[in-house]
Protein backbone atom coordinates (compact mmCIF):
# COMPACT_ATOMS: atom_id res chain seq x y z
CA MET A 1 -27.69 85.37 3.91
CA ARG A 2 -28.07 82.65 1.20
CA THR A 3 -27.16 79.18 1.99
CA LEU A 4 -27.08 76.11 -0.08
CA THR A 5 -27.83 72.40 0.38
CA GLY A 6 -27.27 69.63 -1.98
CA ILE A 7 -29.23 66.25 -1.87
CA GLN A 8 -28.27 63.48 -4.03
CA PRO A 9 -30.82 61.01 -4.81
CA SER A 10 -28.94 57.92 -4.51
CA GLY A 11 -31.34 55.82 -2.36
CA THR A 12 -34.31 55.34 -0.06
CA LEU A 13 -33.79 58.06 2.84
CA HIS A 14 -33.79 56.90 6.35
CA ILE A 15 -34.50 58.67 9.95
CA GLY A 16 -30.49 59.14 10.00
CA ASN A 17 -30.93 61.55 6.84
CA TYR A 18 -33.77 63.14 8.46
CA PHE A 19 -32.28 64.17 11.81
CA GLY A 20 -28.67 64.26 10.94
CA ALA A 21 -29.50 66.53 7.46
CA MET A 22 -33.10 67.15 6.60
CA ARG A 23 -34.52 68.62 9.95
CA PRO A 24 -31.73 71.28 10.38
CA ALA A 25 -31.88 72.12 6.84
CA ILE A 26 -35.50 72.65 6.59
CA GLU A 27 -35.39 74.52 10.09
CA ALA A 28 -32.78 76.73 8.46
CA GLN A 29 -35.77 78.23 6.49
CA THR A 30 -36.96 80.40 9.45
CA ARG A 31 -33.36 81.94 9.34
CA GLY A 32 -32.34 83.02 5.87
CA GLU A 33 -32.69 82.38 2.30
CA CYS A 34 -32.21 78.74 1.37
CA PHE A 35 -31.41 76.98 -1.76
CA TYR A 36 -31.92 73.27 -1.85
CA PHE A 37 -31.18 71.41 -5.46
CA ILE A 38 -31.43 67.23 -5.84
CA ALA A 39 -27.90 66.67 -7.11
CA ASP A 40 -28.75 64.08 -10.03
CA TYR A 41 -25.54 65.25 -12.09
CA HIS A 42 -23.86 64.04 -9.07
CA SER A 43 -25.31 60.73 -8.76
CA MET A 44 -24.37 59.86 -12.16
CA THR A 45 -20.83 58.77 -10.76
CA THR A 46 -22.23 55.72 -9.05
CA VAL A 47 -25.96 55.17 -10.44
CA THR A 48 -26.05 53.84 -14.07
CA ASP A 49 -29.54 52.90 -14.18
CA PRO A 50 -31.85 55.51 -15.50
CA GLU A 51 -35.22 54.61 -13.81
CA GLU A 52 -33.47 54.16 -10.80
CA ARG A 53 -32.22 57.75 -10.84
CA ARG A 54 -35.75 59.03 -11.89
CA ARG A 55 -37.13 56.99 -9.02
CA HIS A 56 -35.02 58.22 -6.43
CA THR A 57 -35.04 61.88 -7.81
CA LEU A 58 -38.73 61.77 -7.21
CA GLY A 59 -38.44 60.02 -4.01
CA VAL A 60 -36.09 62.82 -2.61
CA ALA A 61 -38.51 65.59 -4.10
CA LEU A 62 -41.55 64.00 -2.32
CA ASP A 63 -39.74 63.24 0.92
CA TRP A 64 -38.26 66.75 1.55
CA LEU A 65 -41.66 68.35 0.46
CA ALA A 66 -43.51 66.13 2.91
CA CYS A 67 -41.33 66.60 5.76
CA GLY A 68 -41.51 70.60 5.69
CA LEU A 69 -39.47 72.07 2.58
CA ASP A 70 -41.52 74.99 1.58
CA PRO A 71 -40.81 76.07 -1.83
CA ALA A 72 -42.90 79.57 -1.23
CA ARG A 73 -40.02 80.32 1.00
CA SER A 74 -37.06 78.42 -0.35
CA VAL A 75 -35.66 77.59 -4.00
CA PHE A 76 -35.88 74.10 -4.93
CA TRP A 77 -34.93 72.43 -7.91
CA ARG A 78 -33.19 69.59 -9.89
CA GLN A 79 -29.87 70.03 -10.59
CA SER A 80 -30.11 69.15 -14.08
CA ASP A 81 -32.62 71.69 -14.85
CA VAL A 82 -29.84 74.34 -14.24
CA PRO A 83 -27.49 73.66 -17.36
CA GLU A 84 -25.52 76.55 -16.46
CA VAL A 85 -23.89 74.81 -13.72
CA THR A 86 -22.01 72.27 -16.23
CA GLU A 87 -20.53 75.30 -18.24
CA LEU A 88 -19.20 77.04 -14.86
CA ALA A 89 -17.66 73.46 -13.66
CA TRP A 90 -15.48 73.31 -16.89
CA ILE A 91 -14.44 77.00 -16.52
CA LEU A 92 -13.51 76.24 -13.06
CA GLY A 93 -11.70 72.90 -14.16
CA THR A 94 -9.18 74.74 -16.43
CA LEU A 95 -7.96 76.29 -13.47
CA THR A 96 -8.32 73.56 -10.88
CA PRO A 97 -4.79 71.79 -10.07
CA MET A 98 -4.79 68.16 -10.76
CA GLY A 99 -2.83 67.90 -6.94
CA LEU A 100 -5.89 69.35 -5.57
CA LEU A 101 -8.39 66.75 -6.79
CA GLU A 102 -5.75 63.81 -6.03
CA ARG A 103 -5.70 64.95 -2.56
CA ALA A 104 -9.65 64.24 -2.19
CA HIS A 105 -10.45 61.95 0.53
CA SER A 106 -13.98 61.08 -0.88
CA TYR A 107 -12.27 59.87 -4.35
CA LYS A 108 -9.82 57.85 -2.42
CA ASP A 109 -12.59 56.71 -0.20
CA LYS A 110 -14.87 55.45 -2.72
CA THR A 111 -12.60 53.82 -4.85
CA ALA A 112 -11.10 51.87 -2.00
CA ARG A 113 -14.81 50.84 -1.41
CA GLY A 114 -14.63 49.31 -5.03
CA ILE A 115 -16.53 51.88 -6.70
CA SER A 116 -15.11 52.26 -10.39
CA PRO A 117 -13.18 55.33 -10.73
CA ASN A 118 -14.23 57.72 -13.49
CA PHE A 119 -13.65 61.36 -14.53
CA GLY A 120 -16.98 62.48 -12.81
CA LEU A 121 -15.83 60.80 -9.61
CA PHE A 122 -12.54 62.15 -9.68
CA ALA A 123 -13.85 65.71 -10.88
CA TYR A 124 -16.55 65.63 -8.17
CA PRO A 125 -15.30 68.68 -6.20
CA VAL A 126 -15.28 71.01 -9.45
CA LEU A 127 -19.10 70.60 -10.06
CA MET A 128 -19.63 70.90 -6.18
CA ALA A 129 -17.92 74.33 -6.59
CA ALA A 130 -19.76 75.18 -9.49
CA ASP A 131 -22.98 74.43 -7.49
CA ILE A 132 -21.93 76.54 -4.60
CA LEU A 133 -20.35 79.42 -6.64
CA LEU A 134 -23.15 79.82 -9.12
CA TYR A 135 -25.29 80.86 -6.69
CA ASP A 136 -23.04 83.26 -5.04
CA THR A 137 -23.66 81.46 -1.91
CA ARG A 138 -22.51 82.78 1.40
CA ARG A 139 -22.68 80.22 3.63
CA VAL A 140 -22.93 76.22 3.36
CA PRO A 141 -23.76 74.11 6.24
CA VAL A 142 -21.35 70.81 6.03
CA GLY A 143 -20.69 67.97 8.65
CA ARG A 144 -16.80 67.31 9.07
CA ASP A 145 -16.77 64.60 6.06
CA GLN A 146 -17.70 67.47 3.75
CA LYS A 147 -15.19 70.00 5.22
CA GLN A 148 -12.30 69.41 2.59
CA HIS A 149 -14.80 69.90 -0.35
CA LEU A 150 -15.68 73.31 0.77
CA GLU A 151 -12.22 74.03 1.48
CA MET A 152 -11.40 73.02 -2.19
CA THR A 153 -14.42 75.33 -3.33
CA ARG A 154 -13.18 78.08 -1.61
CA ASP A 155 -9.41 77.50 -3.06
CA ILE A 156 -10.99 77.35 -6.81
CA ALA A 157 -12.89 80.70 -6.15
CA ILE A 158 -9.93 82.08 -5.09
CA LYS A 159 -7.69 81.10 -7.64
CA PHE A 160 -10.21 82.24 -10.09
CA ASN A 161 -10.63 85.65 -8.53
CA GLN A 162 -6.88 85.89 -8.51
CA THR A 163 -6.23 84.98 -12.37
CA TYR A 164 -9.77 87.03 -13.55
CA GLY A 165 -10.25 89.53 -11.02
CA GLU A 166 -12.59 89.88 -8.24
CA THR A 167 -15.66 87.76 -9.54
CA LEU A 168 -16.92 85.14 -7.36
CA VAL A 169 -18.43 85.17 -3.84
CA VAL A 170 -15.81 82.95 -1.64
CA PRO A 171 -18.27 81.04 0.72
CA GLU A 172 -17.78 80.03 4.24
CA ALA A 173 -18.18 76.79 5.61
CA GLU A 174 -20.98 76.20 8.47
CA ILE A 175 -19.57 73.32 10.14
CA ARG A 176 -22.11 71.72 11.94
CA GLU A 177 -20.84 70.00 15.12
CA ASP A 178 -24.34 69.17 16.22
CA LEU A 179 -25.42 66.87 13.27
CA ALA A 180 -26.99 64.15 14.91
CA VAL A 181 -25.16 60.62 14.43
CA ILE A 182 -27.90 58.16 14.71
CA PRO A 183 -27.41 54.70 15.58
CA GLY A 184 -28.68 51.93 13.17
CA VAL A 185 -30.56 48.76 14.29
CA ASP A 186 -27.40 47.26 14.80
CA GLY A 187 -25.70 49.88 17.13
CA GLN A 188 -23.30 51.16 14.07
CA LYS A 189 -23.97 54.89 12.64
CA MET A 190 -27.16 54.36 10.26
CA SER A 191 -26.09 53.92 6.66
CA LYS A 192 -27.33 52.30 3.79
CA SER A 193 -23.83 50.79 3.40
CA TYR A 194 -24.38 48.62 6.25
CA GLY A 195 -27.77 47.75 5.70
CA ASN A 196 -29.09 48.87 9.38
CA THR A 197 -31.60 51.73 8.55
CA ILE A 198 -34.85 52.62 9.34
CA ASP A 199 -36.54 54.10 6.44
CA LEU A 200 -38.23 57.58 6.73
CA PHE A 201 -41.31 56.33 4.98
CA GLY A 202 -41.93 52.73 3.85
CA ASP A 203 -44.34 49.90 4.35
CA GLU A 204 -45.65 49.75 8.11
CA LYS A 205 -45.56 45.90 8.36
CA ALA A 206 -41.85 45.55 7.30
CA LEU A 207 -40.60 48.62 9.27
CA ARG A 208 -42.26 47.12 12.42
CA LYS A 209 -40.67 43.85 11.79
CA ARG A 210 -37.51 45.77 11.47
CA ILE A 211 -37.56 47.38 14.61
CA MET A 212 -39.08 44.49 16.57
CA GLY A 213 -35.79 42.49 15.37
CA ILE A 214 -33.53 44.90 16.94
CA VAL A 215 -31.11 42.43 18.94
CA MET A 216 -31.08 42.77 22.81
CA ASP A 217 -28.87 41.40 25.32
CA SER A 218 -29.94 37.98 26.81
CA ARG A 219 -31.13 39.36 30.49
CA PRO A 220 -34.42 38.60 31.63
CA PRO A 221 -37.05 41.54 31.93
CA ALA A 222 -37.00 41.20 35.92
CA GLU A 223 -33.38 42.15 36.25
CA PRO A 224 -32.36 45.44 36.73
CA LYS A 225 -30.36 47.17 33.95
CA PRO A 226 -28.02 49.88 35.53
CA ASP A 227 -26.63 50.60 32.26
CA ALA A 228 -30.13 51.40 30.56
CA ASP A 229 -28.99 54.66 29.02
CA ARG A 230 -26.63 52.62 26.52
CA ASN A 231 -29.68 50.40 25.46
CA LEU A 232 -30.26 50.93 21.55
CA ALA A 233 -33.71 50.88 21.58
CA LEU A 234 -34.22 53.27 24.22
CA GLN A 235 -31.64 55.87 22.55
CA LEU A 236 -33.82 55.61 19.29
CA LEU A 237 -36.86 55.97 21.48
CA ARG A 238 -35.57 59.37 22.76
CA LEU A 239 -35.50 60.64 19.01
CA PHE A 240 -39.56 60.23 18.99
CA ALA A 241 -40.64 60.19 22.34
CA PRO A 242 -41.62 63.10 24.93
CA ALA A 243 -38.79 63.43 27.31
CA ASP A 244 -40.49 62.63 30.31
CA VAL A 245 -42.04 59.14 28.41
CA ALA A 246 -38.22 58.49 27.59
CA ARG A 247 -36.89 58.88 30.84
CA ASP A 248 -40.01 56.75 32.53
CA PHE A 249 -38.61 53.67 30.13
CA GLU A 250 -35.29 54.27 31.18
CA ASP A 251 -36.34 54.27 34.97
CA ARG A 252 -38.02 50.96 34.24
CA LEU A 253 -35.26 49.38 32.57
CA ARG A 254 -33.00 50.59 35.39
CA ALA A 255 -35.26 48.80 38.15
CA GLY A 256 -36.00 45.71 36.32
CA GLY A 257 -39.67 44.26 35.20
CA LEU A 258 -39.74 45.77 31.49
CA GLY A 259 -39.66 43.75 28.87
CA TYR A 260 -37.52 44.67 25.67
CA GLY A 261 -40.56 43.65 23.57
CA ASP A 262 -42.65 46.19 25.31
CA LEU A 263 -40.02 48.81 24.64
CA LYS A 264 -39.47 48.10 21.11
CA LYS A 265 -43.41 48.15 20.68
CA ALA A 266 -43.09 51.63 22.22
CA LEU A 267 -40.36 52.40 19.96
CA PHE A 268 -42.19 51.64 16.96
CA GLU A 269 -45.53 53.20 18.04
CA HIS A 270 -43.74 56.60 18.87
CA TYR A 271 -41.63 56.64 15.51
CA TRP A 272 -44.79 55.71 13.33
CA ASN A 273 -46.93 58.42 15.09
CA THR A 274 -43.76 60.71 14.47
CA PHE A 275 -44.15 61.11 10.86
CA ALA A 276 -47.74 60.30 10.45
CA ALA A 277 -48.69 63.82 9.11
CA ALA A 278 -45.40 63.86 6.82
CA ARG A 279 -46.61 60.33 5.67
CA ALA A 280 -49.99 61.24 4.61
CA ARG A 281 -48.52 64.77 3.09
CA ARG A 282 -46.21 62.58 0.73
CA ALA A 283 -49.20 60.41 -0.24
CA GLU A 284 -50.83 63.41 -1.44
CA LEU A 285 -47.61 64.90 -3.37
CA ALA A 286 -47.18 61.28 -5.21
CA ALA A 287 -50.71 61.28 -6.18
CA ASN A 288 -50.15 64.76 -7.69
CA ARG A 289 -47.00 64.25 -9.40
CA ASP A 290 -47.88 67.21 -11.61
CA HIS A 291 -47.71 69.69 -8.84
CA VAL A 292 -44.22 68.15 -7.78
CA GLU A 293 -42.65 68.57 -11.40
CA ALA A 294 -44.37 72.10 -11.50
CA VAL A 295 -42.41 73.15 -8.19
CA LEU A 296 -39.28 71.61 -9.49
CA ARG A 297 -39.45 73.40 -12.66
CA GLU A 298 -40.34 76.97 -10.84
CA GLY A 299 -37.24 76.44 -8.61
CA ALA A 300 -35.25 75.87 -11.58
CA GLY A 301 -36.56 79.08 -13.15
CA ARG A 302 -35.56 80.90 -9.77
CA ALA A 303 -32.39 79.61 -9.61
CA ARG A 304 -31.53 80.15 -13.16
CA LYS A 305 -32.09 83.87 -12.56
CA VAL A 306 -29.52 83.70 -10.13
CA ALA A 307 -27.03 81.39 -12.08
CA ARG A 308 -27.52 83.65 -15.36
CA GLU A 309 -26.25 86.56 -13.69
CA VAL A 310 -23.30 84.97 -12.26
CA LEU A 311 -22.03 83.01 -15.03
CA GLY A 312 -22.39 86.34 -16.95
CA ARG A 313 -20.04 88.05 -14.78
CA VAL A 314 -17.71 84.88 -15.04
CA ARG A 315 -18.11 84.97 -19.20
CA ARG A 316 -17.13 88.61 -19.35
CA ALA A 317 -14.18 88.35 -16.47
CA SER A 318 -12.56 85.31 -18.58
CA GLY A 319 -12.86 86.86 -21.96
CA LEU A 320 -15.84 84.53 -23.18
CA GLU A 321 -18.06 87.56 -23.88
């Protein structure tokens, strides 16, 4: 069964992205056919600096390949390298009711946060529907925040099939209730908008400083801490350290005698070591940009083979051929 995941190149990836989306998506390679694309067209609704888009697009490619995306087992490409998606978006847009787009939570949320409204932002669900429907996608893993967009994709596909005959595969949502919500260094959900992230890859000195700067309460080391399981540094440590190591730190916090500085030092070391192999792999890839571009071009070729077949069906069904 084919699944599809889109990755928007909107900034530096952090450990919240990794545990919440990257790791589950990459693990899915062992369970079926996976299509992954870098959504650079989608980034145009909010990013207008071309160099920033190129930098983030390359960064996404490097990060995902370094973390285990295997282009020999999956299809990995840049959205803009498959122009069929924009033609399908136009065709679908001619059948998409305005009321459906006006109900989109994402558009309301983004404009409420001060993002300038534009057609691309408003029509985002139509391009997302084209992304999904162009590849006969059967299953789309999404968090609850993307559930509405997937339902809109289904509505658009059903409308097309009712109008022009059974042509498009109507995908099913795979709602990921198990997607991890990772706390940031301030205790809120880790997010670039909150400025509370720990980068997946970055400068060692800066990342050490960020982790050592996590604010703890004012209790001295000797004081027992019965609420140790709610300690922010310990919550993050559990992501990286073996379970027995994390339990030992929790027991020492409960008993008293463990300094917060020592806990944060352990957190940094386990975090840094967890991504050591991926960091080395990323450095190799960054030094071989031609290889990365070749991977994306080859992936686009494989994606276009499917896209042309589906778009051909759409064009014939709708009278364009």
